[in-house]
Amino acid sequence: MSEEMVGTVKWFNTSKGFGFILTEDGTEVFVHYLDIQAEGFRNLTEGQKVSFVLQNTGKGLRAAEVKPL
């Protein structure tokens, strides 16, 4: 099981459905709207705090199980 992390939304493009989260150490992590755990419209706001599980894919780091705080 991966460790849950906390980060801040760097930016999120609602129309394209993806963006990036900054971890506490400044690493950029890709986030897709399908990984956001929320009811209704899944969206993140710049500067918003989130918790997530970090995944290392073949293309780089990706946030999974993203929960707005």
C-alpha atoms as a PDB file:
ATOM      1  CA  MET A   1       0.000   0.000   0.000  1.00  0.00           C
ATOM      2  CA  SER A   2       1.362   3.418  -0.924  1.00  0.00           C
ATOM      3  CA  GLU A   3       1.684   6.202   1.600  1.00  0.00           C
ATOM      4  CA  GLU A   4      -0.824   9.043   1.497  1.00  0.00           C
ATOM      5  CA  MET A   5       0.781  12.421   0.825  1.00  0.00           C
ATOM      6  CA  VAL A   6      -0.371  16.041   1.048  1.00  0.00           C
ATOM      7  CA  GLY A   7       0.236  18.636  -1.637  1.00  0.00           C
ATOM      8  CA  THR A   8      -1.007  21.861  -3.192  1.00  0.00           C
ATOM      9  CA  VAL A   9      -2.674  22.201  -6.600  1.00  0.00           C
ATOM     10  CA  LYS A  10      -0.278  24.092  -8.890  1.00  0.00           C
ATOM     11  CA  TRP A  11      -2.861  24.368 -11.677  1.00  0.00           C
ATOM     12  CA  PHE A  12      -5.811  22.414 -13.042  1.00  0.00           C
ATOM     13  CA  ASN A  13      -7.424  22.855 -16.473  1.00  0.00           C
ATOM     14  CA  THR A  14     -11.116  22.069 -16.034  1.00  0.00           C
ATOM     15  CA  SER A  15     -11.849  21.820 -19.771  1.00  0.00           C
ATOM     16  CA  LYS A  16      -8.972  19.375 -20.395  1.00  0.00           C
ATOM     17  CA  GLY A  17      -9.455  17.509 -17.108  1.00  0.00           C
ATOM     18  CA  PHE A  18      -5.890  17.479 -15.843  1.00  0.00           C
ATOM     19  CA  GLY A  19      -3.284  19.500 -13.997  1.00  0.00           C
ATOM     20  CA  PHE A  20      -0.414  19.271 -11.539  1.00  0.00           C
ATOM     21  CA  ILE A  21       0.011  19.042  -7.781  1.00  0.00           C
ATOM     22  CA  LEU A  22       3.128  20.213  -5.930  1.00  0.00           C
ATOM     23  CA  THR A  23       4.292  17.922  -3.143  1.00  0.00           C
ATOM     24  CA  GLU A  24       5.659  19.384   0.089  1.00  0.00           C
ATOM     25  CA  ASP A  25       9.214  18.970  -1.291  1.00  0.00           C
ATOM     26  CA  GLY A  26       8.313  20.804  -4.535  1.00  0.00           C
ATOM     27  CA  THR A  27       7.950  17.802  -6.872  1.00  0.00           C
ATOM     28  CA  GLU A  28       5.329  18.201  -9.632  1.00  0.00           C
ATOM     29  CA  VAL A  29       2.830  15.340  -9.899  1.00  0.00           C
ATOM     30  CA  PHE A  30       0.319  14.860 -12.748  1.00  0.00           C
ATOM     31  CA  VAL A  31      -3.356  14.630 -11.757  1.00  0.00           C
ATOM     32  CA  HIS A  32      -6.277  13.533 -13.970  1.00  0.00           C
ATOM     33  CA  TYR A  33      -9.897  14.323 -13.111  1.00  0.00           C
ATOM     34  CA  LEU A  34     -10.797  10.608 -12.936  1.00  0.00           C
ATOM     35  CA  ASP A  35      -8.436  10.287  -9.941  1.00  0.00           C
ATOM     36  CA  ILE A  36     -10.271  12.969  -7.927  1.00  0.00           C
ATOM     37  CA  GLN A  37     -12.499  11.411  -5.271  1.00  0.00           C
ATOM     38  CA  ALA A  38     -15.409  13.821  -5.023  1.00  0.00           C
ATOM     39  CA  GLU A  39     -19.146  13.852  -5.628  1.00  0.00           C
ATOM     40  CA  GLY A  40     -20.480  15.536  -8.755  1.00  0.00           C
ATOM     41  CA  PHE A  41     -18.195  17.669 -10.921  1.00  0.00           C
ATOM     42  CA  ARG A  42     -14.552  16.766 -10.288  1.00  0.00           C
ATOM     43  CA  ASN A  43     -12.447  19.909 -10.208  1.00  0.00           C
ATOM     44  CA  LEU A  44      -9.443  21.295  -8.350  1.00  0.00           C
ATOM     45  CA  THR A  45      -8.557  24.925  -7.672  1.00  0.00           C
ATOM     46  CA  GLU A  46      -5.093  26.499  -7.790  1.00  0.00           C
ATOM     47  CA  GLY A  47      -3.671  26.651  -4.257  1.00  0.00           C
ATOM     48  CA  GLN A  48      -6.084  24.018  -2.912  1.00  0.00           C
ATOM     49  CA  LYS A  49      -4.660  21.465  -0.446  1.00  0.00           C
ATOM     50  CA  VAL A  50      -5.217  17.809  -1.368  1.00  0.00           C
ATOM     51  CA  SER A  51      -4.214  14.380  -0.132  1.00  0.00           C
ATOM     52  CA  PHE A  52      -3.226  11.702  -2.626  1.00  0.00           C
ATOM     53  CA  VAL A  53      -1.343   8.471  -3.209  1.00  0.00           C
ATOM     54  CA  LEU A  54       1.742   8.794  -5.407  1.00  0.00           C
ATOM     55  CA  GLN A  55       2.082   6.373  -8.339  1.00  0.00           C
ATOM     56  CA  ASN A  56       5.167   6.000 -10.505  1.00  0.00           C
ATOM     57  CA  THR A  57       3.957   5.195 -14.028  1.00  0.00           C
ATOM     58  CA  GLY A  58       6.080   4.583 -17.108  1.00  0.00           C
ATOM     59  CA  LYS A  59       5.488   8.231 -18.044  1.00  0.00           C
ATOM     60  CA  GLY A  60       6.282   9.778 -14.641  1.00  0.00           C
ATOM     61  CA  LEU A  61       4.599  10.551 -11.334  1.00  0.00           C
ATOM     62  CA  ARG A  62       0.803  10.505 -11.083  1.00  0.00           C
ATOM     63  CA  ALA A  63      -1.548  11.304  -8.211  1.00  0.00           C
ATOM     64  CA  ALA A  64      -4.224   8.707  -7.417  1.00  0.00           C
ATOM     65  CA  GLU A  65      -7.044   8.707  -4.844  1.00  0.00           C
ATOM     66  CA  VAL A  66      -6.970  12.533  -4.775  1.00  0.00           C
ATOM     67  CA  LYS A  67      -9.097  14.019  -1.977  1.00  0.00           C
ATOM     68  CA  PRO A  68      -9.641  17.755  -1.467  1.00  0.00           C
ATOM     69  CA  LEU A  69      -8.814  18.825   2.109  1.00  0.00           C
END
